């Protein structure tokens, strides 16, 4: 593989990982509907360590505003309940001795605006990261040209490819952001 191809592949991989991280971050955010991702990564103190809720129970969504958590070991029900209360989910869990129900109250207009601002902020942070990856790739390409490893034409072509990759990635992030803002603002 040519050095330019490797720079392109590495940059593309980093940008894709950044996009995936944003998708995961958005999935944990509360929107108009309940989502298993909202609680799956909550850390629960049990068995002498901290484990993710998804490793200790099954999580289901029987209704749009209800999350049901069914622990595989009923003895850790209280530990799970404490962890959910400690998280910033903004909902009170109730249990019947076998499972935990988390009923999500409707979001206020003020809270929707706050979430929309946060969504935009996260997207902007991700775009800055993408631009930093572009800058790193350009610096590597520039260095290769200075050391006479590639010609000026190859440098220009490689920079155009990196720019096009950056544009695609930023556009995809804007689409994700717009979709999530729309979801949060839906009543």
Protein backbone atom coordinates (compact mmCIF):
# COMPACT_ATOMS: atom_id res chain seq x y z
CA UNK A 1 0.00 0.00 0.00
CA UNK A 2 1.34 3.41 -0.94
CA UNK A 3 2.03 5.89 1.87
CA UNK A 4 -0.67 8.24 0.54
CA UNK A 5 -3.21 5.44 0.47
CA UNK A 6 -2.29 4.56 4.07
CA UNK A 7 -2.76 8.19 5.20
CA UNK A 8 -6.16 8.25 3.47
CA UNK A 9 -7.24 4.91 5.02
CA UNK A 10 -6.06 5.92 8.51
CA UNK A 11 -7.82 9.27 8.30
CA UNK A 12 -11.01 7.65 7.01
CA UNK A 13 -10.94 5.13 9.87
CA UNK A 14 -10.46 7.86 12.50
CA UNK A 15 -13.30 9.94 11.02
CA UNK A 16 -15.62 6.93 10.95
CA UNK A 17 -14.82 6.16 14.60
CA UNK A 18 -15.60 9.77 15.48
CA UNK A 19 -18.96 9.53 13.71
CA UNK A 20 -19.76 6.25 15.49
CA UNK A 21 -18.90 7.84 18.84
CA UNK A 22 -21.36 10.65 18.11
CA UNK A 23 -24.06 8.12 17.17
CA UNK A 24 -23.50 6.30 20.49
CA UNK A 25 -23.57 9.56 22.42
CA UNK A 26 -26.87 10.52 20.77
CA UNK A 27 -28.32 7.07 21.50
CA UNK A 28 -27.78 7.52 25.24
CA UNK A 29 -29.61 10.86 25.16
CA UNK A 30 -33.25 10.92 26.01
CA UNK A 31 -35.41 11.91 23.09
CA UNK A 32 -39.11 11.64 22.44
CA UNK A 33 -39.12 7.85 22.85
CA UNK A 34 -37.59 5.39 25.26
CA UNK A 35 -34.44 3.66 24.01
CA UNK A 36 -32.52 0.73 25.59
CA UNK A 37 -29.26 2.63 25.01
CA UNK A 38 -30.40 5.23 27.54
CA UNK A 39 -29.79 2.79 30.40
CA UNK A 40 -27.62 -0.02 29.00
CA UNK A 41 -24.31 1.64 29.89
CA UNK A 42 -25.30 2.70 33.43
CA UNK A 43 -22.65 1.35 35.81
CA UNK A 44 -24.02 -0.83 38.63
CA UNK A 45 -22.03 -1.53 41.78
CA UNK A 46 -22.44 -5.26 42.46
CA UNK A 47 -20.44 -8.46 42.99
CA UNK A 48 -17.52 -6.31 44.22
CA UNK A 49 -17.12 -4.41 40.93
CA UNK A 50 -18.83 -1.97 38.57
CA UNK A 51 -20.65 -3.54 35.64
CA UNK A 52 -22.83 -2.14 32.87
CA UNK A 53 -26.56 -2.69 33.24
CA UNK A 54 -26.66 -4.49 29.89
CA UNK A 55 -24.34 -7.17 31.35
CA UNK A 56 -26.66 -7.80 34.29
CA UNK A 57 -30.15 -7.75 32.82
CA UNK A 58 -32.39 -7.73 29.80
CA UNK A 59 -33.72 -4.32 28.79
CA UNK A 60 -36.96 -3.94 26.83
CA UNK A 61 -39.22 -1.14 25.62
CA UNK A 62 -42.87 -2.31 25.80
CA UNK A 63 -44.23 1.24 25.30
CA UNK A 64 -42.91 4.52 23.89
CA UNK A 65 -42.21 6.01 27.34
CA UNK A 66 -41.46 2.87 29.37
CA UNK A 67 -38.21 0.97 29.89
CA UNK A 68 -38.34 -2.42 31.61
CA UNK A 69 -35.18 -3.81 33.18
CA UNK A 70 -35.26 -7.46 34.21
CA UNK A 71 -32.14 -8.51 36.14
CA UNK A 72 -30.98 -12.08 35.68
CA UNK A 73 -30.11 -12.20 39.39
CA UNK A 74 -32.97 -10.79 41.50
CA UNK A 75 -30.62 -10.19 44.47
CA UNK A 76 -29.07 -7.16 42.69
CA UNK A 77 -32.41 -5.46 42.03
CA UNK A 78 -31.75 -2.76 44.68
CA UNK A 79 -28.21 -2.13 43.34
CA UNK A 80 -29.63 -1.59 39.85
CA UNK A 81 -32.33 0.71 41.18
CA UNK A 82 -29.70 2.81 43.05
CA UNK A 83 -27.57 3.08 39.91
CA UNK A 84 -30.54 4.23 37.82
CA UNK A 85 -31.43 6.85 40.43
CA UNK A 86 -27.80 8.04 40.52
CA UNK A 87 -27.69 8.41 36.72
CA UNK A 88 -28.98 11.66 35.25
CA UNK A 89 -31.91 9.98 33.50
CA UNK A 90 -34.48 12.17 35.22
CA UNK A 91 -36.93 9.34 35.98
CA UNK A 92 -37.86 7.36 39.08
CA UNK A 93 -37.61 3.58 38.74
CA UNK A 94 -40.21 1.37 40.43
CA UNK A 95 -39.83 -2.34 41.07
CA UNK A 96 -42.14 -5.24 41.88
CA UNK A 97 -39.46 -7.59 43.21
CA UNK A 98 -38.76 -9.14 39.79
CA UNK A 99 -38.21 -6.25 37.41
CA UNK A 100 -37.77 -2.50 37.31
CA UNK A 101 -40.04 -0.20 35.36
CA UNK A 102 -38.76 3.23 34.36
CA UNK A 103 -41.55 5.50 33.21
CA UNK A 104 -40.23 8.51 31.33
CA UNK A 105 -42.22 11.70 31.88
CA UNK A 106 -42.84 13.91 28.84
CA UNK A 107 -40.13 16.50 28.25
CA UNK A 108 -40.90 20.16 28.96
CA UNK A 109 -40.35 22.70 26.18
CA UNK A 110 -37.45 24.18 28.14
CA UNK A 111 -35.79 20.77 28.51
CA UNK A 112 -36.27 20.08 24.78
CA UNK A 113 -34.44 23.32 23.94
CA UNK A 114 -31.68 22.42 26.39
CA UNK A 115 -31.27 18.98 24.77
CA UNK A 116 -31.27 20.50 21.27
CA UNK A 117 -28.46 22.86 22.36
CA UNK A 118 -26.50 19.92 23.75
CA UNK A 119 -27.00 17.94 20.52
CA UNK A 120 -25.65 20.85 18.48
CA UNK A 121 -22.69 21.26 20.85
CA UNK A 122 -21.76 17.57 20.59
CA UNK A 123 -21.96 17.73 16.80
CA UNK A 124 -19.74 20.80 16.71
CA UNK A 125 -17.17 19.11 18.97
CA UNK A 126 -17.16 16.08 16.66
CA UNK A 127 -16.69 18.32 13.61
CA UNK A 128 -13.70 20.00 15.26
CA UNK A 129 -12.20 16.55 15.82
CA UNK A 130 -12.79 15.68 12.14
CA UNK A 131 -11.06 18.89 11.06
CA UNK A 132 -8.11 18.04 13.31
CA UNK A 133 -7.83 14.66 11.56
CA UNK A 134 -7.83 16.52 8.22
CA UNK A 135 -5.07 18.85 9.46
CA UNK A 136 -2.95 15.88 10.63
CA UNK A 137 -3.33 14.17 7.25
CA UNK A 138 -2.41 17.38 5.39
CA UNK A 139 0.68 17.80 7.57
CA UNK A 140 1.78 14.25 6.74
CA UNK A 141 1.21 14.84 3.02
CA UNK A 142 3.09 18.17 3.17
CA UNK A 143 6.02 16.49 4.90
CA UNK A 144 6.12 13.77 2.22
CA UNK A 145 6.27 16.42 -0.49
CA UNK A 146 9.03 18.35 1.29
CA UNK A 147 11.07 15.16 1.59
CA UNK A 148 10.54 14.58 -2.17
CA UNK A 149 8.65 11.29 -1.56
CA UNK A 150 5.75 12.54 -3.69
CA UNK A 151 5.31 15.15 -6.41
CA UNK A 152 3.36 18.38 -6.06
CA UNK A 153 0.58 16.94 -8.26
CA UNK A 154 0.26 13.90 -5.99
CA UNK A 155 0.15 16.20 -2.96
CA UNK A 156 -2.65 18.29 -4.49
CA UNK A 157 -4.63 15.17 -5.46
CA UNK A 158 -4.21 13.65 -1.98
CA UNK A 159 -5.28 16.88 -0.27
CA UNK A 160 -8.40 17.03 -2.46
CA UNK A 161 -9.27 13.44 -1.49
CA UNK A 162 -8.81 14.22 2.21
CA UNK A 163 -10.96 17.36 1.85
CA UNK A 164 -13.70 15.43 0.08
CA UNK A 165 -13.61 12.78 2.85
CA UNK A 166 -13.86 15.55 5.47
CA UNK A 167 -16.81 17.18 3.68
CA UNK A 168 -18.68 13.85 3.49
CA UNK A 169 -18.10 13.16 7.17
CA UNK A 170 -19.18 16.63 8.30
CA UNK A 171 -22.29 16.39 6.12
CA UNK A 172 -23.16 13.02 7.70
CA UNK A 173 -22.74 14.54 11.17
CA UNK A 174 -25.01 17.44 10.28
CA UNK A 175 -27.66 14.96 9.14
CA UNK A 176 -27.33 13.04 12.42
CA UNK A 177 -27.60 16.29 14.38
CA UNK A 178 -30.66 17.49 12.48
CA UNK A 179 -32.39 14.13 12.86
CA UNK A 180 -31.72 14.04 16.63
CA UNK A 181 -32.85 17.66 17.14
CA UNK A 182 -36.06 16.87 15.27
CA UNK A 183 -36.60 13.76 17.42
CA UNK A 184 -36.09 15.71 20.66
CA UNK A 185 -38.37 18.55 19.61
CA UNK A 186 -41.19 16.19 18.61
CA UNK A 187 -43.97 16.20 21.21
